[in-house]
Structures are given as structure tokens and as C-alpha cells.
Amino acid sequence: MNFRFLSAALLTASIAASPMASAFSFDSVKKNAGEMMSGQSSQSTGTAGGASLLSSLGSGSMNLGSMQNVAGVLGYCQDQGYAESTTDKVKSSLLDKIGGQRQAEKSDGYQQGLSGLLQGGSGQTFSLTNLKEQVGKKACGMVADKAMSSFLGG
């Protein structure tokens, strides 16, 4: 039932976030989905990327790449105004585990995260830069939740 709710929410968010959603051809959507499933796509953007990211996070199929990258992504979420108190706490905990802010700043993964690029453990990369506000907030919350369970034992 939870998966059905998430699927319905993703569909609603995708349609609401992009007035041009009906202009996307089915072939294009099918191709992008195939690339994402096979790992051929190195970066996803926009509404389709947001839906793919939320789907991957929601289903549990996406493993996060590194603590540094996730801390950077959560910093990006804060800069965009997407962060809630939980996101801030998770970011602080991750930074503590990796030796603090200065240590994190030396990491390419952290710098990429700050620019809105989320790295998956299987080499996939998602860009949060083109997400609409509601989808961005949802994605940031889901990244924080996933980081809690993956890196912080929560």
C-alpha cells in the first residue's frame, strides 16, 4: 500500500510540476527509464529525474555513494530552502563522522553534493538542480532518511 501511495504521489508531482508533461513522448520516457534501469544514464534532471530519484529512494533500490557526497547534498538542500530540522541534524552527524566541515570540503564528493549532484553507490548520479520545490523537499527528506539508515544506524 505504501508503494501505491508513493507511485500516486510521484505521478501527481510529475504532472503538477511540469505543465509540459503531456508533451513528453512515451518513447522518450521509456528510453530514459531503460537507461536508468541499466545504469547507462549518468545524470538525470528535471521532472523525469525527480520522479526517478524519488522512486529509487522510495523503493530502497538506491544505495547512497559516500557520506561526504550526502553531506554535500544536504548542504545543497539547506541552501535551496528544502531542508527541515531532520535534514540539518543528519548533515551535522555525517560531518562529525567524516572529521568535520573542513575535512569534508577536501572531498570531491562533498563539493559535487553541494552543487546538487547525488551519487549512488552503483555509479548513478542524480541532479537535484532542476527539481521543483515540492519534489526537491521530498527528495531531500528521503535522502536524509536514507542517510540515517545507511550511515548513522538510525
C-alpha atoms as a PDB file:
ATOM      1  CA  MET A   1       0.000   0.000   0.000  1.00  0.00           C
ATOM      2  CA  ASN A   2       2.879   2.362   0.809  1.00  0.00           C
ATOM      3  CA  PHE A   3       4.356   1.749  -2.675  1.00  0.00           C
ATOM      4  CA  ARG A   4       0.986   2.543  -4.286  1.00  0.00           C
ATOM      5  CA  PHE A   5       0.779   5.816  -2.371  1.00  0.00           C
ATOM      6  CA  LEU A   6       4.337   6.727  -3.395  1.00  0.00           C
ATOM      7  CA  SER A   7       3.592   5.879  -7.029  1.00  0.00           C
ATOM      8  CA  ALA A   8       0.448   8.014  -6.987  1.00  0.00           C
ATOM      9  CA  ALA A   9       2.319  10.868  -5.311  1.00  0.00           C
ATOM     10  CA  LEU A  10       5.114  10.673  -7.884  1.00  0.00           C
ATOM     11  CA  LEU A  11       2.658  10.723 -10.756  1.00  0.00           C
ATOM     12  CA  THR A  12       0.792  13.681  -9.272  1.00  0.00           C
ATOM     13  CA  ALA A  13       4.036  15.576  -8.574  1.00  0.00           C
ATOM     14  CA  SER A  14       5.310  14.909 -12.079  1.00  0.00           C
ATOM     15  CA  ILE A  15       2.151  16.205 -13.697  1.00  0.00           C
ATOM     16  CA  ALA A  16       1.822  19.195 -11.367  1.00  0.00           C
ATOM     17  CA  ALA A  17       5.496  20.129 -11.609  1.00  0.00           C
ATOM     18  CA  SER A  18       5.575  20.356 -15.360  1.00  0.00           C
ATOM     19  CA  PRO A  19       2.765  21.804 -17.463  1.00  0.00           C
ATOM     20  CA  MET A  20       4.523  20.314 -20.438  1.00  0.00           C
ATOM     21  CA  ALA A  21       4.319  16.779 -19.031  1.00  0.00           C
ATOM     22  CA  SER A  22       1.864  15.728 -21.702  1.00  0.00           C
ATOM     23  CA  ALA A  23       4.326  16.837 -24.379  1.00  0.00           C
ATOM     24  CA  PHE A  24       6.809  14.129 -23.431  1.00  0.00           C
ATOM     25  CA  SER A  25       6.519  11.206 -25.768  1.00  0.00           C
ATOM     26  CA  PHE A  26       6.071   7.759 -24.336  1.00  0.00           C
ATOM     27  CA  ASP A  27       9.116   6.574 -26.287  1.00  0.00           C
ATOM     28  CA  SER A  28      11.288   9.212 -24.632  1.00  0.00           C
ATOM     29  CA  VAL A  29      10.058   8.276 -21.164  1.00  0.00           C
ATOM     30  CA  LYS A  30      10.528   4.585 -21.939  1.00  0.00           C
ATOM     31  CA  LYS A  31      14.071   5.210 -23.223  1.00  0.00           C
ATOM     32  CA  ASN A  32      15.020   7.239 -20.144  1.00  0.00           C
ATOM     33  CA  ALA A  33      13.577   4.595 -17.840  1.00  0.00           C
ATOM     34  CA  GLY A  34      15.515   1.888 -19.670  1.00  0.00           C
ATOM     35  CA  GLU A  35      18.740   3.864 -19.388  1.00  0.00           C
ATOM     36  CA  MET A  36      18.196   4.441 -15.682  1.00  0.00           C
ATOM     37  CA  MET A  37      17.451   0.774 -15.045  1.00  0.00           C
ATOM     38  CA  SER A  38      20.549  -0.347 -16.957  1.00  0.00           C
ATOM     39  CA  GLY A  39      22.766   2.326 -15.407  1.00  0.00           C
ATOM     40  CA  GLN A  40      23.594   3.851 -18.810  1.00  0.00           C
ATOM     41  CA  SER A  41      22.428   7.316 -17.865  1.00  0.00           C
ATOM     42  CA  SER A  42      24.994   9.230 -15.868  1.00  0.00           C
ATOM     43  CA  GLN A  43      22.755  12.115 -14.840  1.00  0.00           C
ATOM     44  CA  SER A  44      19.045  12.789 -14.521  1.00  0.00           C
ATOM     45  CA  THR A  45      17.470  16.218 -14.449  1.00  0.00           C
ATOM     46  CA  GLY A  46      14.064  17.857 -14.358  1.00  0.00           C
ATOM     47  CA  THR A  47      10.759  16.236 -13.562  1.00  0.00           C
ATOM     48  CA  ALA A  48      11.642  12.862 -15.033  1.00  0.00           C
ATOM     49  CA  GLY A  49      14.858  12.826 -12.996  1.00  0.00           C
ATOM     50  CA  GLY A  50      12.979  13.831  -9.862  1.00  0.00           C
ATOM     51  CA  ALA A  51      10.458  11.050 -10.321  1.00  0.00           C
ATOM     52  CA  SER A  52      13.248   8.556 -10.937  1.00  0.00           C
ATOM     53  CA  LEU A  53      15.159   9.728  -7.873  1.00  0.00           C
ATOM     54  CA  LEU A  54      12.089   9.577  -5.627  1.00  0.00           C
ATOM     55  CA  SER A  55      11.195   6.164  -6.996  1.00  0.00           C
ATOM     56  CA  SER A  56      14.705   4.806  -6.395  1.00  0.00           C
ATOM     57  CA  LEU A  57      14.875   6.219  -2.879  1.00  0.00           C
ATOM     58  CA  GLY A  58      11.333   5.169  -2.015  1.00  0.00           C
ATOM     59  CA  SER A  59      11.751   1.603  -3.220  1.00  0.00           C
ATOM     60  CA  GLY A  60      15.046   1.194  -1.409  1.00  0.00           C
ATOM     61  CA  SER A  61      16.806   0.231  -4.645  1.00  0.00           C
ATOM     62  CA  MET A  62      19.276   3.114  -4.451  1.00  0.00           C
ATOM     63  CA  ASN A  63      22.326   2.880  -2.247  1.00  0.00           C
ATOM     64  CA  LEU A  64      23.971   6.176  -1.380  1.00  0.00           C
ATOM     65  CA  GLY A  65      27.542   6.652  -2.561  1.00  0.00           C
ATOM     66  CA  SER A  66      29.536   8.348   0.198  1.00  0.00           C
ATOM     67  CA  MET A  67      28.915  10.187   3.429  1.00  0.00           C
ATOM     68  CA  GLN A  68      30.804  13.165   2.032  1.00  0.00           C
ATOM     69  CA  ASN A  69      28.530  13.413  -1.005  1.00  0.00           C
ATOM     70  CA  VAL A  70      25.360  13.042   1.054  1.00  0.00           C
ATOM     71  CA  ALA A  71      26.549  15.729   3.489  1.00  0.00           C
ATOM     72  CA  GLY A  72      27.139  17.996   0.499  1.00  0.00           C
ATOM     73  CA  VAL A  73      23.718  17.225  -0.964  1.00  0.00           C
ATOM     74  CA  LEU A  74      22.085  18.030   2.362  1.00  0.00           C
ATOM     75  CA  GLY A  75      24.030  21.312   2.344  1.00  0.00           C
ATOM     76  CA  TYR A  76      22.608  21.970  -1.119  1.00  0.00           C
ATOM     77  CA  CYS A  77      19.138  21.204   0.247  1.00  0.00           C
ATOM     78  CA  GLN A  78      19.673  23.771   3.008  1.00  0.00           C
ATOM     79  CA  ASP A  79      20.855  26.403   0.516  1.00  0.00           C
ATOM     80  CA  GLN A  80      17.714  25.845  -1.559  1.00  0.00           C
ATOM     81  CA  GLY A  81      15.460  26.142   1.476  1.00  0.00           C
ATOM     82  CA  TYR A  82      14.424  22.476   1.182  1.00  0.00           C
ATOM     83  CA  ALA A  83      15.968  21.403   4.470  1.00  0.00           C
ATOM     84  CA  GLU A  84      13.997  20.654   7.563  1.00  0.00           C
ATOM     85  CA  SER A  85      15.456  20.231  11.039  1.00  0.00           C
ATOM     86  CA  THR A  86      15.949  16.491  10.469  1.00  0.00           C
ATOM     87  CA  THR A  87      17.995  17.180   7.350  1.00  0.00           C
ATOM     88  CA  ASP A  88      20.188  19.594   9.301  1.00  0.00           C
ATOM     89  CA  LYS A  89      20.726  17.074  12.101  1.00  0.00           C
ATOM     90  CA  VAL A  90      21.656  14.318   9.646  1.00  0.00           C
ATOM     91  CA  LYS A  91      24.091  16.613   7.829  1.00  0.00           C
ATOM     92  CA  SER A  92      25.741  17.571  11.136  1.00  0.00           C
ATOM     93  CA  SER A  93      26.014  13.923  12.186  1.00  0.00           C
ATOM     94  CA  LEU A  94      27.562  12.962   8.845  1.00  0.00           C
ATOM     95  CA  LEU A  95      30.064  15.807   9.053  1.00  0.00           C
ATOM     96  CA  ASP A  96      31.014  14.693  12.577  1.00  0.00           C
ATOM     97  CA  LYS A  97      31.617  11.128  11.323  1.00  0.00           C
ATOM     98  CA  ILE A  98      33.890  12.257   8.483  1.00  0.00           C
ATOM     99  CA  GLY A  99      36.014  14.632  10.522  1.00  0.00           C
ATOM    100  CA  GLY A 100      34.117  17.899  10.293  1.00  0.00           C
ATOM    101  CA  GLN A 101      33.326  20.552   7.720  1.00  0.00           C
ATOM    102  CA  ARG A 102      36.969  21.289   6.807  1.00  0.00           C
ATOM    103  CA  GLN A 103      37.707  17.633   6.129  1.00  0.00           C
ATOM    104  CA  ALA A 104      34.544  17.281   4.046  1.00  0.00           C
ATOM    105  CA  GLU A 105      35.433  20.327   1.951  1.00  0.00           C
ATOM    106  CA  LYS A 106      38.527  18.474   0.689  1.00  0.00           C
ATOM    107  CA  SER A 107      36.323  15.786  -0.855  1.00  0.00           C
ATOM    108  CA  ASP A 108      35.216  15.931  -4.491  1.00  0.00           C
ATOM    109  CA  GLY A 109      32.060  14.062  -3.489  1.00  0.00           C
ATOM    110  CA  TYR A 110      31.188  16.739  -0.954  1.00  0.00           C
ATOM    111  CA  GLN A 111      31.770  19.521  -3.491  1.00  0.00           C
ATOM    112  CA  GLN A 112      29.597  17.722  -6.046  1.00  0.00           C
ATOM    113  CA  GLY A 113      26.925  17.277  -3.395  1.00  0.00           C
ATOM    114  CA  LEU A 114      26.983  20.996  -2.623  1.00  0.00           C
ATOM    115  CA  SER A 115      26.264  21.628  -6.301  1.00  0.00           C
ATOM    116  CA  GLY A 116      23.213  19.336  -6.129  1.00  0.00           C
ATOM    117  CA  LEU A 117      24.643  16.088  -7.524  1.00  0.00           C
ATOM    118  CA  LEU A 118      23.709  12.967  -5.555  1.00  0.00           C
ATOM    119  CA  GLN A 119      25.918   9.958  -6.215  1.00  0.00           C
ATOM    120  CA  GLY A 120      24.515   6.480  -5.873  1.00  0.00           C
ATOM    121  CA  GLY A 121      26.539   3.519  -4.714  1.00  0.00           C
ATOM    122  CA  SER A 122      26.173   1.845  -8.117  1.00  0.00           C
ATOM    123  CA  GLY A 123      27.578   4.765 -10.089  1.00  0.00           C
ATOM    124  CA  GLN A 124      24.315   6.520 -10.895  1.00  0.00           C
ATOM    125  CA  THR A 125      24.164  10.280 -10.406  1.00  0.00           C
ATOM    126  CA  PHE A 126      21.053  12.379  -9.877  1.00  0.00           C
ATOM    127  CA  SER A 127      20.927  16.144 -10.226  1.00  0.00           C
ATOM    128  CA  LEU A 128      18.659  17.961  -7.814  1.00  0.00           C
ATOM    129  CA  THR A 129      19.261  21.315  -9.519  1.00  0.00           C
ATOM    130  CA  ASN A 130      16.171  21.288 -11.740  1.00  0.00           C
ATOM    131  CA  LEU A 131      13.695  19.833  -9.273  1.00  0.00           C
ATOM    132  CA  LYS A 132      10.598  21.816  -8.458  1.00  0.00           C
ATOM    133  CA  GLU A 133      10.248  22.945  -4.841  1.00  0.00           C
ATOM    134  CA  GLN A 134       7.876  20.231  -3.580  1.00  0.00           C
ATOM    135  CA  VAL A 135       9.780  17.439  -5.318  1.00  0.00           C
ATOM    136  CA  GLY A 136      13.061  18.898  -4.042  1.00  0.00           C
ATOM    137  CA  LYS A 137      11.800  18.972  -0.461  1.00  0.00           C
ATOM    138  CA  LYS A 138      10.588  15.388  -0.743  1.00  0.00           C
ATOM    139  CA  ALA A 139      13.875  14.226  -2.296  1.00  0.00           C
ATOM    140  CA  CYS A 140      15.945  15.971   0.388  1.00  0.00           C
ATOM    141  CA  GLY A 141      13.853  14.409   3.141  1.00  0.00           C
ATOM    142  CA  MET A 142      14.211  10.975   1.577  1.00  0.00           C
ATOM    143  CA  VAL A 143      17.995  11.413   1.192  1.00  0.00           C
ATOM    144  CA  ALA A 144      18.199  12.373   4.885  1.00  0.00           C
ATOM    145  CA  ASP A 145      16.133   9.317   5.874  1.00  0.00           C
ATOM    146  CA  LYS A 146      18.256   7.022   3.701  1.00  0.00           C
ATOM    147  CA  ALA A 147      21.458   8.520   5.161  1.00  0.00           C
ATOM    148  CA  MET A 148      20.164   7.899   8.693  1.00  0.00           C
ATOM    149  CA  SER A 149      19.659   4.214   7.981  1.00  0.00           C
ATOM    150  CA  SER A 150      22.717   3.743   5.745  1.00  0.00           C
ATOM    151  CA  PHE A 151      25.395   5.708   7.574  1.00  0.00           C
ATOM    152  CA  LEU A 152      24.143   6.563  11.051  1.00  0.00           C
ATOM    153  CA  GLY A 153      22.445   3.336  12.112  1.00  0.00           C
ATOM    154  CA  GLY A 154      19.085   5.022  12.587  1.00  0.00           C
END
